[in-house]
Structures are given as structure tokens and as C-alpha cells.
Amino acid sequence: MDEDHTKHMILEFLRKHTLAVIATCHRNGTPAAAAIDFSVRDDFEIVFDTFKDTRKFSNLAERSSVAFVVGWDDNITVQYEGEATRVPAVDIAQYQEAHLNCVPAEREFLERGAVMFKATPRWLRYSDFNKEPPELVEIHF
């Protein structure tokens, strides 16, 4: 399978999901994980929002490194590592529109003041444990 086809397959898998687990880390090393709603852009950016009073918001203000796990339905998952930053004010309208098209329920959170973030990938692994041996595909960005 060529790289473009592989990336398309992984992107389609991510787009079938709107729920992920996000992992962040406090400056003292304490990890935090939470379930989030997310959307994914063509360049594999993961878009999500959170409130300023959450641990993930505080952690991301200190350290931009982030990890996600998406899936497990049907024994398929994507692990994702990257850097998360706030969506710049100039891009908010564009990101909100695309995000709400994928996850309409997020409108309530954004209207209540949730802050939008985008994660840029460094590495991801697609794992399909239905195959023998399991299909494992890693992409470095």
C-alpha cells in the first residue's frame, strides 16, 4: 500500500470517530487523561476544545505536548502524538465552522466559552488487531 493510500485510510478511520482520549502532562510530571470530542482536518490536525478551568487547559499552557488514542471499536486504534496550541483568533471562524460540521454537539461548549485547540501531529500509529499478524502502520511527520 503506498503512502498516500495509507494516509487516506487512516484519515478516514479518524473521521469515523468523534471521541478520543487525550493525555497531557503537568509541569511536575503528573499525567492527566480525559475523553474529548474532536474533529480532524485534511493535514491530520486534531481540533478540540476545552474550558479554561480544566487540567488539560492548564497543562497545555505549560507544555504543548499531547497524545490521543482514537478507536478500539472492531480492534482498530490510532495512537497520535503531537503539539497542541490554541487556534489563533484570525482562524477561529474557519476552525469553528469545520469543527461544528463534524461535531455539532460542540456548539454548546463553544457558546459557553470553551477554547479551541489544534494539535499538529509528530507521530501516529494505526493498529488493526483483526489481522494476523496485526497491521501496524507508523507515520512520522
C-alpha atoms as a PDB file:
ATOM      1  CA  MET A   1       0.000   0.000   0.000  1.00  0.00           C
ATOM      2  CA  ASP A   2       1.509   3.356  -0.988  1.00  0.00           C
ATOM      3  CA  GLU A   3       1.904   6.215   1.478  1.00  0.00           C
ATOM      4  CA  ASP A   4      -0.922   8.354   0.054  1.00  0.00           C
ATOM      5  CA  HIS A   5      -3.370   5.453   0.206  1.00  0.00           C
ATOM      6  CA  THR A   6      -2.246   4.630   3.748  1.00  0.00           C
ATOM      7  CA  LYS A   7      -2.697   8.229   4.908  1.00  0.00           C
ATOM      8  CA  HIS A   8      -6.132   8.363   3.298  1.00  0.00           C
ATOM      9  CA  MET A   9      -7.155   5.121   5.047  1.00  0.00           C
ATOM     10  CA  ILE A  10      -6.012   6.462   8.430  1.00  0.00           C
ATOM     11  CA  LEU A  11      -7.692   9.825   7.883  1.00  0.00           C
ATOM     12  CA  GLU A  12     -10.954   8.069   7.013  1.00  0.00           C
ATOM     13  CA  PHE A  13     -10.671   5.942  10.153  1.00  0.00           C
ATOM     14  CA  LEU A  14     -10.174   9.079  12.284  1.00  0.00           C
ATOM     15  CA  ARG A  15     -13.153  10.751  10.615  1.00  0.00           C
ATOM     16  CA  LYS A  16     -15.421   7.863  11.595  1.00  0.00           C
ATOM     17  CA  HIS A  17     -14.857   8.868  15.221  1.00  0.00           C
ATOM     18  CA  THR A  18     -15.567  11.967  17.238  1.00  0.00           C
ATOM     19  CA  LEU A  19     -14.460  10.691  20.644  1.00  0.00           C
ATOM     20  CA  ALA A  20     -10.840  10.341  21.755  1.00  0.00           C
ATOM     21  CA  VAL A  21      -8.798  10.096  24.908  1.00  0.00           C
ATOM     22  CA  ILE A  22      -6.360  12.965  25.302  1.00  0.00           C
ATOM     23  CA  ALA A  23      -3.288  12.799  27.518  1.00  0.00           C
ATOM     24  CA  THR A  24      -1.445  15.861  28.792  1.00  0.00           C
ATOM     25  CA  CYS A  25       1.203  16.358  31.438  1.00  0.00           C
ATOM     26  CA  HIS A  26       1.525  18.886  34.256  1.00  0.00           C
ATOM     27  CA  ARG A  27       4.894  20.608  34.647  1.00  0.00           C
ATOM     28  CA  ASN A  28       5.571  18.463  37.747  1.00  0.00           C
ATOM     29  CA  GLY A  29       5.149  15.319  35.642  1.00  0.00           C
ATOM     30  CA  THR A  30       1.646  14.383  36.778  1.00  0.00           C
ATOM     31  CA  PRO A  31      -0.249  12.909  33.812  1.00  0.00           C
ATOM     32  CA  ALA A  32      -3.876  13.692  33.023  1.00  0.00           C
ATOM     33  CA  ALA A  33      -6.209  11.927  30.626  1.00  0.00           C
ATOM     34  CA  ALA A  34      -9.733  12.819  29.563  1.00  0.00           C
ATOM     35  CA  ALA A  35     -12.320  11.905  26.968  1.00  0.00           C
ATOM     36  CA  ILE A  36     -12.903  14.644  24.398  1.00  0.00           C
ATOM     37  CA  ASP A  37     -14.906  15.299  21.272  1.00  0.00           C
ATOM     38  CA  PHE A  38     -12.655  16.052  18.309  1.00  0.00           C
ATOM     39  CA  SER A  39     -12.545  16.593  14.582  1.00  0.00           C
ATOM     40  CA  VAL A  40      -9.672  16.052  12.179  1.00  0.00           C
ATOM     41  CA  ARG A  41      -8.520  18.191   9.264  1.00  0.00           C
ATOM     42  CA  ASP A  42      -7.027  17.036   5.951  1.00  0.00           C
ATOM     43  CA  ASP A  43      -3.495  17.651   7.266  1.00  0.00           C
ATOM     44  CA  PHE A  44      -4.170  15.398  10.310  1.00  0.00           C
ATOM     45  CA  GLU A  45      -4.578  18.321  12.711  1.00  0.00           C
ATOM     46  CA  ILE A  46      -6.857  17.268  15.540  1.00  0.00           C
ATOM     47  CA  VAL A  47      -9.208  20.048  16.647  1.00  0.00           C
ATOM     48  CA  PHE A  48     -10.816  20.065  20.091  1.00  0.00           C
ATOM     49  CA  ASP A  49     -11.990  22.500  22.718  1.00  0.00           C
ATOM     50  CA  THR A  50     -11.785  22.744  26.468  1.00  0.00           C
ATOM     51  CA  PHE A  51     -12.667  25.159  29.237  1.00  0.00           C
ATOM     52  CA  LYS A  52     -10.063  27.306  30.970  1.00  0.00           C
ATOM     53  CA  ASP A  53     -10.739  25.663  34.343  1.00  0.00           C
ATOM     54  CA  THR A  54      -9.744  22.161  33.187  1.00  0.00           C
ATOM     55  CA  ARG A  55      -6.492  20.365  33.904  1.00  0.00           C
ATOM     56  CA  LYS A  56      -5.855  19.864  30.203  1.00  0.00           C
ATOM     57  CA  PHE A  57      -6.067  23.625  29.601  1.00  0.00           C
ATOM     58  CA  SER A  58      -3.589  24.341  32.412  1.00  0.00           C
ATOM     59  CA  ASN A  59      -1.301  21.541  31.293  1.00  0.00           C
ATOM     60  CA  LEU A  60      -1.292  22.696  27.670  1.00  0.00           C
ATOM     61  CA  ALA A  61      -0.495  26.239  28.793  1.00  0.00           C
ATOM     62  CA  GLU A  62       2.685  24.822  30.379  1.00  0.00           C
ATOM     63  CA  ARG A  63       3.546  22.021  27.934  1.00  0.00           C
ATOM     64  CA  SER A  64       2.204  21.727  24.422  1.00  0.00           C
ATOM     65  CA  SER A  65       2.951  18.002  24.055  1.00  0.00           C
ATOM     66  CA  VAL A  66      -0.183  15.921  23.741  1.00  0.00           C
ATOM     67  CA  ALA A  67      -1.198  12.353  22.927  1.00  0.00           C
ATOM     68  CA  PHE A  68      -4.500  10.910  21.763  1.00  0.00           C
ATOM     69  CA  VAL A  69      -5.991   7.467  21.372  1.00  0.00           C
ATOM     70  CA  VAL A  70      -8.871   7.064  18.934  1.00  0.00           C
ATOM     71  CA  GLY A  71     -10.929   3.971  18.379  1.00  0.00           C
ATOM     72  CA  TRP A  72     -10.830   0.429  19.603  1.00  0.00           C
ATOM     73  CA  ASP A  73     -14.143  -0.425  18.035  1.00  0.00           C
ATOM     74  CA  ASP A  74     -13.513  -3.547  15.992  1.00  0.00           C
ATOM     75  CA  ASN A  75      -9.982  -3.874  17.435  1.00  0.00           C
ATOM     76  CA  ILE A  76      -8.612  -0.935  15.420  1.00  0.00           C
ATOM     77  CA  THR A  77      -6.979   2.089  17.012  1.00  0.00           C
ATOM     78  CA  VAL A  78      -4.881   5.155  16.229  1.00  0.00           C
ATOM     79  CA  GLN A  79      -2.287   6.467  18.659  1.00  0.00           C
ATOM     80  CA  TYR A  80      -1.257  10.071  17.957  1.00  0.00           C
ATOM     81  CA  GLU A  81       1.443  12.299  19.416  1.00  0.00           C
ATOM     82  CA  GLY A  82       1.874  15.971  18.655  1.00  0.00           C
ATOM     83  CA  GLU A  83       1.884  19.566  19.789  1.00  0.00           C
ATOM     84  CA  ALA A  84      -1.331  21.370  20.751  1.00  0.00           C
ATOM     85  CA  THR A  85      -1.745  25.135  20.562  1.00  0.00           C
ATOM     86  CA  ARG A  86      -4.702  27.467  20.766  1.00  0.00           C
ATOM     87  CA  VAL A  87      -6.324  28.212  17.439  1.00  0.00           C
ATOM     88  CA  PRO A  88      -5.248  31.786  16.548  1.00  0.00           C
ATOM     89  CA  ALA A  89      -8.023  34.385  16.704  1.00  0.00           C
ATOM     90  CA  VAL A  90      -7.678  35.064  12.976  1.00  0.00           C
ATOM     91  CA  ASP A  91      -8.527  31.389  12.236  1.00  0.00           C
ATOM     92  CA  ILE A  92     -11.267  30.801  14.833  1.00  0.00           C
ATOM     93  CA  ALA A  93     -14.267  31.225  12.491  1.00  0.00           C
ATOM     94  CA  GLN A  94     -12.858  28.785   9.923  1.00  0.00           C
ATOM     95  CA  TYR A  95     -11.921  26.179  12.549  1.00  0.00           C
ATOM     96  CA  GLN A  96     -15.237  26.507  14.405  1.00  0.00           C
ATOM     97  CA  GLU A  97     -17.279  26.036  11.242  1.00  0.00           C
ATOM     98  CA  ALA A  98     -15.372  22.906  10.208  1.00  0.00           C
ATOM     99  CA  HIS A  99     -15.359  21.524  13.759  1.00  0.00           C
ATOM    100  CA  LEU A 100     -19.106  22.057  14.229  1.00  0.00           C
ATOM    101  CA  ASN A 101     -19.835  20.412  10.878  1.00  0.00           C
ATOM    102  CA  CYS A 102     -18.167  17.261  12.238  1.00  0.00           C
ATOM    103  CA  VAL A 103     -19.275  17.516  15.880  1.00  0.00           C
ATOM    104  CA  PRO A 104     -22.462  19.632  16.100  1.00  0.00           C
ATOM    105  CA  ALA A 105     -22.871  18.950  19.844  1.00  0.00           C
ATOM    106  CA  GLU A 106     -19.760  21.066  20.484  1.00  0.00           C
ATOM    107  CA  ARG A 107     -21.722  24.251  19.741  1.00  0.00           C
ATOM    108  CA  GLU A 108     -22.999  24.291  23.328  1.00  0.00           C
ATOM    109  CA  PHE A 109     -19.446  24.190  24.722  1.00  0.00           C
ATOM    110  CA  LEU A 110     -18.151  26.866  22.374  1.00  0.00           C
ATOM    111  CA  GLU A 111     -21.108  29.111  23.230  1.00  0.00           C
ATOM    112  CA  ARG A 112     -20.242  28.661  26.927  1.00  0.00           C
ATOM    113  CA  GLY A 113     -16.663  29.848  26.344  1.00  0.00           C
ATOM    114  CA  ALA A 114     -14.665  26.730  25.536  1.00  0.00           C
ATOM    115  CA  VAL A 115     -11.290  27.472  23.942  1.00  0.00           C
ATOM    116  CA  MET A 116     -10.358  25.828  20.644  1.00  0.00           C
ATOM    117  CA  PHE A 117      -7.069  23.995  20.242  1.00  0.00           C
ATOM    118  CA  LYS A 118      -5.412  22.343  17.281  1.00  0.00           C
ATOM    119  CA  ALA A 119      -2.879  19.547  17.562  1.00  0.00           C
ATOM    120  CA  THR A 120      -0.237  19.117  14.902  1.00  0.00           C
ATOM    121  CA  PRO A 121       0.969  15.526  14.562  1.00  0.00           C
ATOM    122  CA  ARG A 122       4.563  14.378  15.102  1.00  0.00           C
ATOM    123  CA  TRP A 123       3.847  10.643  15.003  1.00  0.00           C
ATOM    124  CA  LEU A 124       0.923   8.293  14.715  1.00  0.00           C
ATOM    125  CA  ARG A 125       0.371   4.567  14.670  1.00  0.00           C
ATOM    126  CA  TYR A 126      -2.587   2.799  13.096  1.00  0.00           C
ATOM    127  CA  SER A 127      -3.116  -0.682  14.558  1.00  0.00           C
ATOM    128  CA  ASP A 128      -5.525  -3.274  13.210  1.00  0.00           C
ATOM    129  CA  PHE A 129      -5.561  -6.288  15.519  1.00  0.00           C
ATOM    130  CA  ASN A 130      -8.070  -8.157  13.344  1.00  0.00           C
ATOM    131  CA  LYS A 131      -5.247  -9.230  11.059  1.00  0.00           C
ATOM    132  CA  GLU A 132      -2.636 -11.877  11.744  1.00  0.00           C
ATOM    133  CA  PRO A 133      -0.077 -10.607  12.233  1.00  0.00           C
ATOM    134  CA  PRO A 134      -1.613  -7.286  13.329  1.00  0.00           C
ATOM    135  CA  GLU A 135      -1.317  -4.480  10.778  1.00  0.00           C
ATOM    136  CA  LEU A 136       0.789  -1.722  12.321  1.00  0.00           C
ATOM    137  CA  VAL A 137       1.478   1.429  10.345  1.00  0.00           C
ATOM    138  CA  GLU A 138       3.576   4.309  11.709  1.00  0.00           C
ATOM    139  CA  ILE A 139       3.767   7.757  10.177  1.00  0.00           C
ATOM    140  CA  HIS A 140       6.312  10.378  11.207  1.00  0.00           C
ATOM    141  CA  PHE A 141       5.505  13.973  10.316  1.00  0.00           C
END
